[in-house]
Amino acid sequence: MFDIGFWELVVISVVGLLVLGPERLPVAIRTVSRLFKTVRDTANAVKSELAQELKMEELHRDLKKAEQLGMKDLSPELKQSIDQLKDAAASVNRPYEKTSGSSTHSEPANPAPNEPQDKP
């Protein structure tokens, strides 16, 4: 990333030690490292958002192509894109659906309207 060699780091360290002193140098190093970490994390977040946007744009373009072809004679790439979109739509439509193993008691809360109800 930066073209800094070992001797340049030594010179920077010595100058920092002389200017800041031994008490403030560790604090300054921590502050600079936090700043670099924040910048790096922000750049990675922007990169991942851009990748997601490009993927969504590609899927949208593939969907438009599939609509133009009338959903017939689709290439494997278009079929895969359509399947991904269907899976995403299904997960959005039922985000809180319980898995079969997580429920221990699966009786309905209200009886069905055509079932007879016992009266006490």
PDB file of N, CA and C in Angstrom:
ATOM      1  N   MET A   1       0.836  -1.179   0.000  1.00  0.00           N
ATOM      2  CA  MET A   1       0.000   0.000   0.000  1.00  0.00           C
ATOM      3  C   MET A   1       0.886   1.249   0.000  1.00  0.00           C
ATOM      4  N   PHE A   2       1.678   1.403   1.051  1.00  0.00           N
ATOM      5  CA  PHE A   2       2.631   2.498   1.092  1.00  0.00           C
ATOM      6  C   PHE A   2       4.008   1.917   0.785  1.00  0.00           C
ATOM      7  N   ASP A   3       4.820   2.701   0.117  1.00  0.00           N
ATOM      8  CA  ASP A   3       6.165   2.243  -0.209  1.00  0.00           C
ATOM      9  C   ASP A   3       7.130   2.754   0.851  1.00  0.00           C
ATOM     10  N   ILE A   4       6.995   2.192   2.065  1.00  0.00           N
ATOM     11  CA  ILE A   4       7.837   2.603   3.183  1.00  0.00           C
ATOM     12  C   ILE A   4       8.682   1.405   3.584  1.00  0.00           C
ATOM     13  N   GLY A   5       9.975   1.585   3.608  1.00  0.00           N
ATOM     14  CA  GLY A   5      10.885   0.514   3.984  1.00  0.00           C
ATOM     15  C   GLY A   5      11.202   0.540   5.469  1.00  0.00           C
ATOM     16  N   PHE A   6      12.051  -0.380   5.864  1.00  0.00           N
ATOM     17  CA  PHE A   6      12.408  -0.506   7.276  1.00  0.00           C
ATOM     18  C   PHE A   6      13.091   0.752   7.794  1.00  0.00           C
ATOM     19  N   TRP A   7      14.055   1.285   7.027  1.00  0.00           N
ATOM     20  CA  TRP A   7      14.813   2.443   7.510  1.00  0.00           C
ATOM     21  C   TRP A   7      13.954   3.696   7.588  1.00  0.00           C
ATOM     22  N   GLU A   8      12.989   3.819   6.709  1.00  0.00           N
ATOM     23  CA  GLU A   8      12.077   4.959   6.803  1.00  0.00           C
ATOM     24  C   GLU A   8      11.254   4.874   8.081  1.00  0.00           C
ATOM     25  N   LEU A   9      10.828   3.655   8.454  1.00  0.00           N
ATOM     26  CA  LEU A   9      10.075   3.476   9.695  1.00  0.00           C
ATOM     27  C   LEU A   9      10.937   3.805  10.919  1.00  0.00           C
ATOM     28  N   VAL A  10      12.212   3.435  10.854  1.00  0.00           N
ATOM     29  CA  VAL A  10      13.118   3.743  11.962  1.00  0.00           C
ATOM     30  C   VAL A  10      13.269   5.256  12.111  1.00  0.00           C
ATOM     31  N   VAL A  11      13.451   5.960  11.015  1.00  0.00           N
ATOM     32  CA  VAL A  11      13.606   7.422  11.059  1.00  0.00           C
ATOM     33  C   VAL A  11      12.332   8.061  11.600  1.00  0.00           C
ATOM     34  N   ILE A  12      11.166   7.606  11.146  1.00  0.00           N
ATOM     35  CA  ILE A  12       9.892   8.153  11.632  1.00  0.00           C
ATOM     36  C   ILE A  12       9.742   7.892  13.120  1.00  0.00           C
ATOM     37  N   SER A  13      10.136   6.712  13.571  1.00  0.00           N
ATOM     38  CA  SER A  13      10.046   6.374  14.998  1.00  0.00           C
ATOM     39  C   SER A  13      10.954   7.265  15.848  1.00  0.00           C
ATOM     40  N   VAL A  14      12.167   7.472  15.401  1.00  0.00           N
ATOM     41  CA  VAL A  14      13.111   8.307  16.154  1.00  0.00           C
ATOM     42  C   VAL A  14      12.619   9.744  16.199  1.00  0.00           C
ATOM     43  N   VAL A  15      12.155  10.284  15.083  1.00  0.00           N
ATOM     44  CA  VAL A  15      11.648  11.658  15.050  1.00  0.00           C
ATOM     45  C   VAL A  15      10.406  11.769  15.951  1.00  0.00           C
ATOM     46  N   GLY A  16       9.522  10.773  15.893  1.00  0.00           N
ATOM     47  CA  GLY A  16       8.341  10.792  16.759  1.00  0.00           C
ATOM     48  C   GLY A  16       8.706  10.739  18.221  1.00  0.00           C
ATOM     49  N   LEU A  17       9.696   9.939  18.553  1.00  0.00           N
ATOM     50  CA  LEU A  17      10.151   9.852  19.941  1.00  0.00           C
ATOM     51  C   LEU A  17      10.742  11.171  20.408  1.00  0.00           C
ATOM     52  N   LEU A  18      11.518  11.834  19.545  1.00  0.00           N
ATOM     53  CA  LEU A  18      12.124  13.114  19.913  1.00  0.00           C
ATOM     54  C   LEU A  18      11.072  14.221  20.030  1.00  0.00           C
ATOM     55  N   VAL A  19      10.100  14.239  19.122  1.00  0.00           N
ATOM     56  CA  VAL A  19       9.098  15.314  19.119  1.00  0.00           C
ATOM     57  C   VAL A  19       8.057  15.098  20.217  1.00  0.00           C
ATOM     58  N   LEU A  20       7.515  13.903  20.320  1.00  0.00           N
ATOM     59  CA  LEU A  20       6.420  13.656  21.257  1.00  0.00           C
ATOM     60  C   LEU A  20       6.895  13.249  22.649  1.00  0.00           C
ATOM     61  N   GLY A  21       8.021  12.624  22.715  1.00  0.00           N
ATOM     62  CA  GLY A  21       8.516  12.157  24.008  1.00  0.00           C
ATOM     63  C   GLY A  21       7.995  10.764  24.308  1.00  0.00           C
ATOM     64  N   PRO A  22       8.582  10.100  25.275  1.00  0.00           N
ATOM     65  CA  PRO A  22       8.207   8.716  25.571  1.00  0.00           C
ATOM     66  C   PRO A  22       6.817   8.577  26.207  1.00  0.00           C
ATOM     67  N   GLU A  23       6.279   9.646  26.798  1.00  0.00           N
ATOM     68  CA  GLU A  23       4.959   9.555  27.429  1.00  0.00           C
ATOM     69  C   GLU A  23       3.820   9.601  26.405  1.00  0.00           C
ATOM     70  N   ARG A  24       3.960  10.476  25.418  1.00  0.00           N
ATOM     71  CA  ARG A  24       2.865  10.672  24.456  1.00  0.00           C
ATOM     72  C   ARG A  24       2.984   9.822  23.196  1.00  0.00           C
ATOM     73  N   LEU A  25       4.129   9.225  22.944  1.00  0.00           N
ATOM     74  CA  LEU A  25       4.322   8.435  21.722  1.00  0.00           C
ATOM     75  C   LEU A  25       3.390   7.223  21.647  1.00  0.00           C
ATOM     76  N   PRO A  26       3.225   6.412  22.698  1.00  0.00           N
ATOM     77  CA  PRO A  26       2.298   5.271  22.595  1.00  0.00           C
ATOM     78  C   PRO A  26       0.853   5.696  22.316  1.00  0.00           C
ATOM     79  N   VAL A  27       0.433   6.805  22.925  1.00  0.00           N
ATOM     80  CA  VAL A  27      -0.930   7.304  22.684  1.00  0.00           C
ATOM     81  C   VAL A  27      -1.080   7.737  21.231  1.00  0.00           C
ATOM     82  N   ALA A  28      -0.062   8.409  20.706  1.00  0.00           N
ATOM     83  CA  ALA A  28      -0.115   8.858  19.313  1.00  0.00           C
ATOM     84  C   ALA A  28      -0.138   7.667  18.364  1.00  0.00           C
ATOM     85  N   ILE A  29       0.643   6.633  18.663  1.00  0.00           N
ATOM     86  CA  ILE A  29       0.659   5.434  17.809  1.00  0.00           C
ATOM     87  C   ILE A  29      -0.714   4.763  17.823  1.00  0.00           C
ATOM     88  N   ARG A  30      -1.332   4.645  19.003  1.00  0.00           N
ATOM     89  CA  ARG A  30      -2.676   4.043  19.085  1.00  0.00           C
ATOM     90  C   ARG A  30      -3.691   4.866  18.309  1.00  0.00           C
ATOM     91  N   THR A  31      -3.612   6.187  18.413  1.00  0.00           N
ATOM     92  CA  THR A  31      -4.552   7.056  17.705  1.00  0.00           C
ATOM     93  C   THR A  31      -4.406   6.905  16.197  1.00  0.00           C
ATOM     94  N   VAL A  32      -3.174   6.881  15.719  1.00  0.00           N
ATOM     95  CA  VAL A  32      -2.931   6.734  14.277  1.00  0.00           C
ATOM     96  C   VAL A  32      -3.391   5.358  13.802  1.00  0.00           C
ATOM     97  N   SER A  33      -3.132   4.325  14.593  1.00  0.00           N
ATOM     98  CA  SER A  33      -3.561   2.980  14.170  1.00  0.00           C
ATOM     99  C   SER A  33      -5.083   2.866  14.147  1.00  0.00           C
ATOM    100  N   ARG A  34      -5.769   3.508  15.115  1.00  0.00           N
ATOM    101  CA  ARG A  34      -7.248   3.524  15.079  1.00  0.00           C
ATOM    102  C   ARG A  34      -7.760   4.249  13.842  1.00  0.00           C
ATOM    103  N   LEU A  35      -7.094   5.353  13.501  1.00  0.00           N
ATOM    104  CA  LEU A  35      -7.497   6.110  12.318  1.00  0.00           C
ATOM    105  C   LEU A  35      -7.349   5.261  11.060  1.00  0.00           C
ATOM    106  N   PHE A  36      -6.219   4.572  10.926  1.00  0.00           N
ATOM    107  CA  PHE A  36      -6.021   3.700   9.761  1.00  0.00           C
ATOM    108  C   PHE A  36      -7.042   2.575   9.735  1.00  0.00           C
ATOM    109  N   LYS A  37      -7.343   2.000  10.906  1.00  0.00           N
ATOM    110  CA  LYS A  37      -8.340   0.924  10.970  1.00  0.00           C
ATOM    111  C   LYS A  37      -9.716   1.433  10.558  1.00  0.00           C
ATOM    112  N   THR A  38     -10.086   2.619  11.009  1.00  0.00           N
ATOM    113  CA  THR A  38     -11.375   3.201  10.632  1.00  0.00           C
ATOM    114  C   THR A  38     -11.449   3.447   9.138  1.00  0.00           C
ATOM    115  N   VAL A  39     -10.392   3.982   8.573  1.00  0.00           N
ATOM    116  CA  VAL A  39     -10.359   4.233   7.131  1.00  0.00           C
ATOM    117  C   VAL A  39     -10.456   2.916   6.360  1.00  0.00           C
ATOM    118  N   ARG A  40      -9.705   1.909   6.804  1.00  0.00           N
ATOM    119  CA  ARG A  40      -9.736   0.608   6.129  1.00  0.00           C
ATOM    120  C   ARG A  40     -11.119  -0.039   6.221  1.00  0.00           C
ATOM    121  N   ASP A  41     -11.747   0.006   7.410  1.00  0.00           N
ATOM    122  CA  ASP A  41     -13.079  -0.571   7.577  1.00  0.00           C
ATOM    123  C   ASP A  41     -14.112   0.152   6.718  1.00  0.00           C
ATOM    124  N   THR A  42     -14.000   1.481   6.649  1.00  0.00           N
ATOM    125  CA  THR A  42     -14.921   2.255   5.815  1.00  0.00           C
ATOM    126  C   THR A  42     -14.740   1.911   4.344  1.00  0.00           C
ATOM    127  N   ALA A  43     -13.505   1.784   3.914  1.00  0.00           N
ATOM    128  CA  ALA A  43     -13.244   1.426   2.511  1.00  0.00           C
ATOM    129  C   ALA A  43     -13.786   0.029   2.204  1.00  0.00           C
ATOM    130  N   ASN A  44     -13.624  -0.923   3.126  1.00  0.00           N
ATOM    131  CA  ASN A  44     -14.163  -2.271   2.910  1.00  0.00           C
ATOM    132  C   ASN A  44     -15.687  -2.265   2.872  1.00  0.00           C
ATOM    133  N   ALA A  45     -16.323  -1.450   3.710  1.00  0.00           N
ATOM    134  CA  ALA A  45     -17.790  -1.364   3.700  1.00  0.00           C
ATOM    135  C   ALA A  45     -18.291  -0.785   2.381  1.00  0.00           C
ATOM    136  N   VAL A  46     -17.613   0.252   1.902  1.00  0.00           N
ATOM    137  CA  VAL A  46     -18.012   0.855   0.620  1.00  0.00           C
ATOM    138  C   VAL A  46     -17.812  -0.147  -0.513  1.00  0.00           C
ATOM    139  N   LYS A  47     -16.710  -0.880  -0.463  1.00  0.00           N
ATOM    140  CA  LYS A  47     -16.431  -1.872  -1.496  1.00  0.00           C
ATOM    141  C   LYS A  47     -17.499  -2.965  -1.515  1.00  0.00           C
ATOM    142  N   SER A  48     -17.898  -3.440  -0.342  1.00  0.00           N
ATOM    143  CA  SER A  48     -18.910  -4.497  -0.298  1.00  0.00           C
ATOM    144  C   SER A  48     -20.276  -3.972  -0.746  1.00  0.00           C
ATOM    145  N   GLU A  49     -20.613  -2.732  -0.393  1.00  0.00           N
ATOM    146  CA  GLU A  49     -21.877  -2.154  -0.859  1.00  0.00           C
ATOM    147  C   GLU A  49     -21.888  -2.011  -2.376  1.00  0.00           C
ATOM    148  N   LEU A  50     -20.774  -1.573  -2.940  1.00  0.00           N
ATOM    149  CA  LEU A  50     -20.696  -1.451  -4.393  1.00  0.00           C
ATOM    150  C   LEU A  50     -20.822  -2.814  -5.065  1.00  0.00           C
ATOM    151  N   ALA A  51     -20.206  -3.829  -4.480  1.00  0.00           N
ATOM    152  CA  ALA A  51     -20.318  -5.177  -5.041  1.00  0.00           C
ATOM    153  C   ALA A  51     -21.767  -5.658  -4.995  1.00  0.00           C
ATOM    154  N   GLN A  52     -22.472  -5.381  -3.901  1.00  0.00           N
ATOM    155  CA  GLN A  52     -23.878  -5.769  -3.803  1.00  0.00           C
ATOM    156  C   GLN A  52     -24.724  -5.027  -4.837  1.00  0.00           C
ATOM    157  N   GLU A  53     -24.470  -3.746  -5.006  1.00  0.00           N
ATOM    158  CA  GLU A  53     -25.218  -2.959  -5.985  1.00  0.00           C
ATOM    159  C   GLU A  53     -24.975  -3.464  -7.403  1.00  0.00           C
ATOM    160  N   LEU A  54     -23.729  -3.799  -7.717  1.00  0.00           N
ATOM    161  CA  LEU A  54     -23.421  -4.336  -9.042  1.00  0.00           C
ATOM    162  C   LEU A  54     -24.112  -5.679  -9.259  1.00  0.00           C
ATOM    163  N   LYS A  55     -24.138  -6.516  -8.226  1.00  0.00           N
ATOM    164  CA  LYS A  55     -24.812  -7.815  -8.326  1.00  0.00           C
ATOM    165  C   LYS A  55     -26.306  -7.607  -8.543  1.00  0.00           C
ATOM    166  N   MET A  56     -26.906  -6.679  -7.810  1.00  0.00           N
ATOM    167  CA  MET A  56     -28.334  -6.403  -7.981  1.00  0.00           C
ATOM    168  C   MET A  56     -28.626  -5.859  -9.382  1.00  0.00           C
ATOM    169  N   GLU A  57     -27.753  -5.004  -9.878  1.00  0.00           N
ATOM    170  CA  GLU A  57     -27.932  -4.443 -11.222  1.00  0.00           C
ATOM    171  C   GLU A  57     -27.832  -5.548 -12.270  1.00  0.00           C
ATOM    172  N   GLU A  58     -26.889  -6.471 -12.079  1.00  0.00           N
ATOM    173  CA  GLU A  58     -26.749  -7.583 -13.013  1.00  0.00           C
ATOM    174  C   GLU A  58     -27.988  -8.476 -12.992  1.00  0.00           C
ATOM    175  N   LEU A  59     -28.504  -8.767 -11.805  1.00  0.00           N
ATOM    176  CA  LEU A  59     -29.720  -9.579 -11.700  1.00  0.00           C
ATOM    177  C   LEU A  59     -30.913  -8.865 -12.338  1.00  0.00           C
ATOM    178  N   HIS A  60     -30.984  -7.551 -12.141  1.00  0.00           N
ATOM    179  CA  HIS A  60     -32.071  -6.777 -12.750  1.00  0.00           C
ATOM    180  C   HIS A  60     -31.971  -6.823 -14.276  1.00  0.00           C
ATOM    181  N   ARG A  61     -30.765  -6.685 -14.786  1.00  0.00           N
ATOM    182  CA  ARG A  61     -30.559  -6.747 -16.232  1.00  0.00           C
ATOM    183  C   ARG A  61     -30.936  -8.128 -16.780  1.00  0.00           C
ATOM    184  N   ASP A  62     -30.550  -9.181 -16.047  1.00  0.00           N
ATOM    185  CA  ASP A  62     -30.900 -10.537 -16.467  1.00  0.00           C
ATOM    186  C   ASP A  62     -32.408 -10.757 -16.440  1.00  0.00           C
ATOM    187  N   LEU A  63     -33.072 -10.185 -15.457  1.00  0.00           N
ATOM    188  CA  LEU A  63     -34.531 -10.302 -15.380  1.00  0.00           C
ATOM    189  C   LEU A  63     -35.193  -9.602 -16.564  1.00  0.00           C
ATOM    190  N   LYS A  64     -34.689  -8.443 -16.935  1.00  0.00           N
ATOM    191  CA  LYS A  64     -35.226  -7.734 -18.107  1.00  0.00           C
ATOM    192  C   LYS A  64     -35.038  -8.566 -19.379  1.00  0.00           C
ATOM    193  N   LYS A  65     -33.861  -9.195 -19.516  1.00  0.00           N
ATOM    194  CA  LYS A  65     -33.625 -10.043 -20.687  1.00  0.00           C
ATOM    195  C   LYS A  65     -34.592 -11.217 -20.705  1.00  0.00           C
ATOM    196  N   ALA A  66     -34.802 -11.817 -19.534  1.00  0.00           N
ATOM    197  CA  ALA A  66     -35.711 -12.961 -19.446  1.00  0.00           C
ATOM    198  C   ALA A  66     -37.144 -12.547 -19.775  1.00  0.00           C
ATOM    199  N   GLU A  67     -37.552 -11.365 -19.333  1.00  0.00           N
ATOM    200  CA  GLU A  67     -38.890 -10.880 -19.662  1.00  0.00           C
ATOM    201  C   GLU A  67     -39.026 -10.630 -21.162  1.00  0.00           C
ATOM    202  N   GLN A  68     -37.983 -10.113 -21.782  1.00  0.00           N
ATOM    203  CA  GLN A  68     -38.024  -9.859 -23.220  1.00  0.00           C
ATOM    204  C   GLN A  68     -38.114 -11.159 -24.005  1.00  0.00           C
ATOM    205  N   LEU A  69     -37.474 -12.214 -23.491  1.00  0.00           N
ATOM    206  CA  LEU A  69     -37.528 -13.509 -24.170  1.00  0.00           C
ATOM    207  C   LEU A  69     -38.791 -14.279 -23.817  1.00  0.00           C
ATOM    208  N   GLY A  70     -39.600 -13.725 -22.958  1.00  0.00           N
ATOM    209  CA  GLY A  70     -40.849 -14.383 -22.597  1.00  0.00           C
ATOM    210  C   GLY A  70     -40.634 -15.602 -21.718  1.00  0.00           C
ATOM    211  N   MET A  71     -39.528 -15.635 -20.959  1.00  0.00           N
ATOM    212  CA  MET A  71     -39.188 -16.727 -20.045  1.00  0.00           C
ATOM    213  C   MET A  71     -39.047 -18.065 -20.771  1.00  0.00           C
ATOM    214  N   LYS A  72     -38.777 -18.033 -22.076  1.00  0.00           N
ATOM    215  CA  LYS A  72     -38.574 -19.251 -22.858  1.00  0.00           C
ATOM    216  C   LYS A  72     -37.162 -19.240 -23.427  1.00  0.00           C
ATOM    217  N   ASP A  73     -36.599 -20.397 -23.626  1.00  0.00           N
ATOM    218  CA  ASP A  73     -35.271 -20.555 -24.225  1.00  0.00           C
ATOM    219  C   ASP A  73     -34.233 -19.666 -23.532  1.00  0.00           C
ATOM    220  N   LEU A  74     -34.167 -19.757 -22.217  1.00  0.00           N
ATOM    221  CA  LEU A  74     -33.229 -18.940 -21.462  1.00  0.00           C
ATOM    222  C   LEU A  74     -31.872 -19.632 -21.378  1.00  0.00           C
ATOM    223  N   SER A  75     -30.841 -18.838 -21.369  1.00  0.00           N
ATOM    224  CA  SER A  75     -29.497 -19.388 -21.203  1.00  0.00           C
ATOM    225  C   SER A  75     -29.328 -19.844 -19.748  1.00  0.00           C
ATOM    226  N   PRO A  76     -28.365 -20.698 -19.477  1.00  0.00           N
ATOM    227  CA  PRO A  76     -28.158 -21.157 -18.089  1.00  0.00           C
ATOM    228  C   PRO A  76     -27.882 -20.013 -17.116  1.00  0.00           C
ATOM    229  N   GLU A  77     -27.171 -18.975 -17.567  1.00  0.00           N
ATOM    230  CA  GLU A  77     -26.894 -17.840 -16.696  1.00  0.00           C
ATOM    231  C   GLU A  77     -28.179 -17.115 -16.328  1.00  0.00           C
ATOM    232  N   LEU A  78     -29.065 -16.933 -17.311  1.00  0.00           N
ATOM    233  CA  LEU A  78     -30.330 -16.267 -17.030  1.00  0.00           C
ATOM    234  C   LEU A  78     -31.201 -17.115 -16.110  1.00  0.00           C
ATOM    235  N   LYS A  79     -31.207 -18.436 -16.330  1.00  0.00           N
ATOM    236  CA  LYS A  79     -31.981 -19.315 -15.452  1.00  0.00           C
ATOM    237  C   LYS A  79     -31.472 -19.237 -14.020  1.00  0.00           C
ATOM    238  N   GLN A  80     -30.158 -19.211 -13.863  1.00  0.00           N
ATOM    239  CA  GLN A  80     -29.578 -19.126 -12.533  1.00  0.00           C
ATOM    240  C   GLN A  80     -29.945 -17.794 -11.868  1.00  0.00           C
ATOM    241  N   SER A  81     -29.916 -16.713 -12.627  1.00  0.00           N
ATOM    242  CA  SER A  81     -30.289 -15.414 -12.082  1.00  0.00           C
ATOM    243  C   SER A  81     -31.751 -15.393 -11.660  1.00  0.00           C
ATOM    244  N   ILE A  82     -32.613 -15.977 -12.475  1.00  0.00           N
ATOM    245  CA  ILE A  82     -34.041 -16.029 -12.145  1.00  0.00           C
ATOM    246  C   ILE A  82     -34.248 -16.862 -10.887  1.00  0.00           C
ATOM    247  N   ASP A  83     -33.536 -17.977 -10.765  1.00  0.00           N
ATOM    248  CA  ASP A  83     -33.653 -18.807  -9.562  1.00  0.00           C
ATOM    249  C   ASP A  83     -33.194 -18.046  -8.317  1.00  0.00           C
ATOM    250  N   GLN A  84     -32.112 -17.281  -8.443  1.00  0.00           N
ATOM    251  CA  GLN A  84     -31.643 -16.482  -7.315  1.00  0.00           C
ATOM    252  C   GLN A  84     -32.683 -15.442  -6.917  1.00  0.00           C
ATOM    253  N   LEU A  85     -33.297 -14.808  -7.901  1.00  0.00           N
ATOM    254  CA  LEU A  85     -34.326 -13.816  -7.611  1.00  0.00           C
ATOM    255  C   LEU A  85     -35.542 -14.460  -6.954  1.00  0.00           C
ATOM    256  N   LYS A  86     -35.926 -15.661  -7.412  1.00  0.00           N
ATOM    257  CA  LYS A  86     -37.057 -16.356  -6.803  1.00  0.00           C
ATOM    258  C   LYS A  86     -36.750 -16.720  -5.359  1.00  0.00           C
ATOM    259  N   ASP A  87     -35.537 -17.186  -5.097  1.00  0.00           N
ATOM    260  CA  ASP A  87     -35.147 -17.524  -3.726  1.00  0.00           C
ATOM    261  C   ASP A  87     -35.158 -16.286  -2.833  1.00  0.00           C
ATOM    262  N   ALA A  88     -34.649 -15.179  -3.357  1.00  0.00           N
ATOM    263  CA  ALA A  88     -34.635 -13.942  -2.574  1.00  0.00           C
ATOM    264  C   ALA A  88     -36.051 -13.466  -2.290  1.00  0.00           C
ATOM    265  N   ALA A  89     -36.933 -13.568  -3.287  1.00  0.00           N
ATOM    266  CA  ALA A  89     -38.319 -13.153  -3.084  1.00  0.00           C
ATOM    267  C   ALA A  89     -39.012 -14.057  -2.077  1.00  0.00           C
ATOM    268  N   ALA A  90     -38.732 -15.348  -2.132  1.00  0.00           N
ATOM    269  CA  ALA A  90     -39.340 -16.271  -1.183  1.00  0.00           C
ATOM    270  C   ALA A  90     -38.852 -15.993   0.237  1.00  0.00           C
ATOM    271  N   SER A  91     -37.582 -15.679   0.403  1.00  0.00           N
ATOM    272  CA  SER A  91     -37.074 -15.396   1.744  1.00  0.00           C
ATOM    273  C   SER A  91     -37.635 -14.091   2.287  1.00  0.00           C
ATOM    274  N   VAL A  92     -37.927 -13.124   1.414  1.00  0.00           N
ATOM    275  CA  VAL A  92     -38.515 -11.867   1.858  1.00  0.00           C
ATOM    276  C   VAL A  92     -39.985 -12.070   2.211  1.00  0.00           C
ATOM    277  N   ASN A  93     -40.681 -12.908   1.469  1.00  0.00           N
ATOM    278  CA  ASN A  93     -42.101 -13.121   1.720  1.00  0.00           C
ATOM    279  C   ASN A  93     -42.363 -13.872   3.013  1.00  0.00           C
ATOM    280  N   ARG A  94     -41.454 -14.749   3.434  1.00  0.00           N
ATOM    281  CA  ARG A  94     -41.663 -15.498   4.668  1.00  0.00           C
ATOM    282  C   ARG A  94     -40.397 -15.480   5.533  1.00  0.00           C
ATOM    283  N   PRO A  95     -40.054 -14.295   6.078  1.00  0.00           N
ATOM    284  CA  PRO A  95     -38.826 -14.203   6.866  1.00  0.00           C
ATOM    285  C   PRO A  95     -38.929 -14.816   8.258  1.00  0.00           C
ATOM    286  N   TYR A  96     -40.151 -14.940   8.806  1.00  0.00           N
ATOM    287  CA  TYR A  96     -40.298 -15.424  10.169  1.00  0.00           C
ATOM    288  C   TYR A  96     -40.848 -16.834  10.224  1.00  0.00           C
ATOM    289  N   GLU A  97     -40.762 -17.552   9.136  1.00  0.00           N
ATOM    290  CA  GLU A  97     -41.274 -18.913   9.110  1.00  0.00           C
ATOM    291  C   GLU A  97     -40.418 -19.793  10.001  1.00  0.00           C
ATOM    292  N   LYS A  98     -41.072 -20.612  10.831  1.00  0.00           N
ATOM    293  CA  LYS A  98     -40.340 -21.467  11.760  1.00  0.00           C
ATOM    294  C   LYS A  98     -39.813 -22.688  11.028  1.00  0.00           C
ATOM    295  N   THR A  99     -38.674 -23.158  11.493  1.00  0.00           N
ATOM    296  CA  THR A  99     -38.138 -24.395  10.939  1.00  0.00           C
ATOM    297  C   THR A  99     -38.880 -25.557  11.580  1.00  0.00           C
ATOM    298  N   SER A 100     -38.847 -26.714  10.965  1.00  0.00           N
ATOM    299  CA  SER A 100     -39.625 -27.856  11.437  1.00  0.00           C
ATOM    300  C   SER A 100     -39.119 -28.370  12.773  1.00  0.00           C
ATOM    301  N   GLY A 101     -37.841 -28.256  13.070  1.00  0.00           N
ATOM    302  CA  GLY A 101     -37.291 -28.788  14.304  1.00  0.00           C
ATOM    303  C   GLY A 101     -37.381 -27.827  15.478  1.00  0.00           C
ATOM    304  N   SER A 102     -37.658 -26.550  15.244  1.00  0.00           N
ATOM    305  CA  SER A 102     -37.633 -25.594  16.338  1.00  0.00           C
ATOM    306  C   SER A 102     -38.934 -25.558  17.119  1.00  0.00           C
ATOM    307  N   SER A 103     -40.017 -26.007  16.570  1.00  0.00           N
ATOM    308  CA  SER A 103     -41.305 -25.955  17.251  1.00  0.00           C
ATOM    309  C   SER A 103     -41.546 -27.271  17.980  1.00  0.00           C
ATOM    310  N   THR A 104     -41.876 -27.181  19.277  1.00  0.00           N
ATOM    311  CA  THR A 104     -42.145 -28.396  20.041  1.00  0.00           C
ATOM    312  C   THR A 104     -43.636 -28.667  20.140  1.00  0.00           C
ATOM    313  N   HIS A 105     -44.455 -27.653  20.008  1.00  0.00           N
ATOM    314  CA  HIS A 105     -45.897 -27.811  20.133  1.00  0.00           C
ATOM    315  C   HIS A 105     -46.531 -27.140  18.923  1.00  0.00           C
ATOM    316  N   SER A 106     -47.071 -27.918  18.003  1.00  0.00           N
ATOM    317  CA  SER A 106     -47.528 -27.349  16.741  1.00  0.00           C
ATOM    318  C   SER A 106     -49.041 -27.414  16.566  1.00  0.00           C
ATOM    319  N   GLU A 107     -49.825 -27.346  17.658  1.00  0.00           N
ATOM    320  CA  GLU A 107     -51.269 -27.324  17.520  1.00  0.00           C
ATOM    321  C   GLU A 107     -51.701 -25.912  17.180  1.00  0.00           C
ATOM    322  N   PRO A 108     -52.753 -25.767  16.382  1.00  0.00           N
ATOM    323  CA  PRO A 108     -53.229 -24.432  16.053  1.00  0.00           C
ATOM    324  C   PRO A 108     -53.831 -23.760  17.280  1.00  0.00           C
ATOM    325  N   ALA A 109     -53.738 -22.433  17.340  1.00  0.00           N
ATOM    326  CA  ALA A 109     -54.258 -21.687  18.469  1.00  0.00           C
ATOM    327  C   ALA A 109     -55.784 -21.699  18.479  1.00  0.00           C
ATOM    328  N   ASN A 110     -56.404 -21.564  17.317  1.00  0.00           N
ATOM    329  CA  ASN A 110     -57.860 -21.590  17.203  1.00  0.00           C
ATOM    330  C   ASN A 110     -58.271 -22.810  16.404  1.00  0.00           C
ATOM    331  N   PRO A 111     -59.325 -23.511  16.820  1.00  0.00           N
ATOM    332  CA  PRO A 111     -59.761 -24.664  16.032  1.00  0.00           C
ATOM    333  C   PRO A 111     -60.347 -24.214  14.713  1.00  0.00           C
ATOM    334  N   ALA A 112     -60.325 -25.131  13.742  1.00  0.00           N
ATOM    335  CA  ALA A 112     -60.876 -24.836  12.423  1.00  0.00           C
ATOM    336  C   ALA A 112     -62.376 -24.600  12.557  1.00  0.00           C
ATOM    337  N   PRO A 113     -62.995 -23.765  11.685  1.00  0.00           N
ATOM    338  CA  PRO A 113     -64.401 -23.437  11.834  1.00  0.00           C
ATOM    339  C   PRO A 113     -65.337 -24.626  11.635  1.00  0.00           C
ATOM    340  N   ASN A 114     -64.984 -25.648  10.852  1.00  0.00           N
ATOM    341  CA  ASN A 114     -65.907 -26.763  10.634  1.00  0.00           C
ATOM    342  C   ASN A 114     -65.715 -27.886  11.640  1.00  0.00           C
ATOM    343  N   GLU A 115     -64.764 -27.756  12.580  1.00  0.00           N
ATOM    344  CA  GLU A 115     -64.608 -28.782  13.596  1.00  0.00           C
ATOM    345  C   GLU A 115     -65.564 -28.517  14.741  1.00  0.00           C
ATOM    346  N   PRO A 116     -66.171 -29.565  15.319  1.00  0.00           N
ATOM    347  CA  PRO A 116     -67.068 -29.350  16.441  1.00  0.00           C
ATOM    348  C   PRO A 116     -66.271 -28.943  17.684  1.00  0.00           C
ATOM    349  N   GLN A 117     -66.848 -28.030  18.432  1.00  0.00           N
ATOM    350  CA  GLN A 117     -66.201 -27.552  19.647  1.00  0.00           C
ATOM    351  C   GLN A 117     -66.920 -28.131  20.857  1.00  0.00           C
ATOM    352  N   ASP A 118     -66.145 -28.538  21.850  1.00  0.00           N
ATOM    353  CA  ASP A 118     -66.737 -29.078  23.073  1.00  0.00           C
ATOM    354  C   ASP A 118     -67.185 -27.918  23.935  1.00  0.00           C
ATOM    355  N   LYS A 119     -68.426 -28.026  24.449  1.00  0.00           N
ATOM    356  CA  LYS A 119     -68.933 -27.000  25.356  1.00  0.00           C
ATOM    357  C   LYS A 119     -68.969 -27.574  26.749  1.00  0.00           C
ATOM    358  N   PRO A 120     -68.472 -26.878  27.759  1.00  0.00           N
ATOM    359  CA  PRO A 120     -68.475 -27.409  29.138  1.00  0.00           C
ATOM    360  C   PRO A 120     -69.821 -27.353  29.796  1.00  0.00           C
TER     361      PRO A 120
END
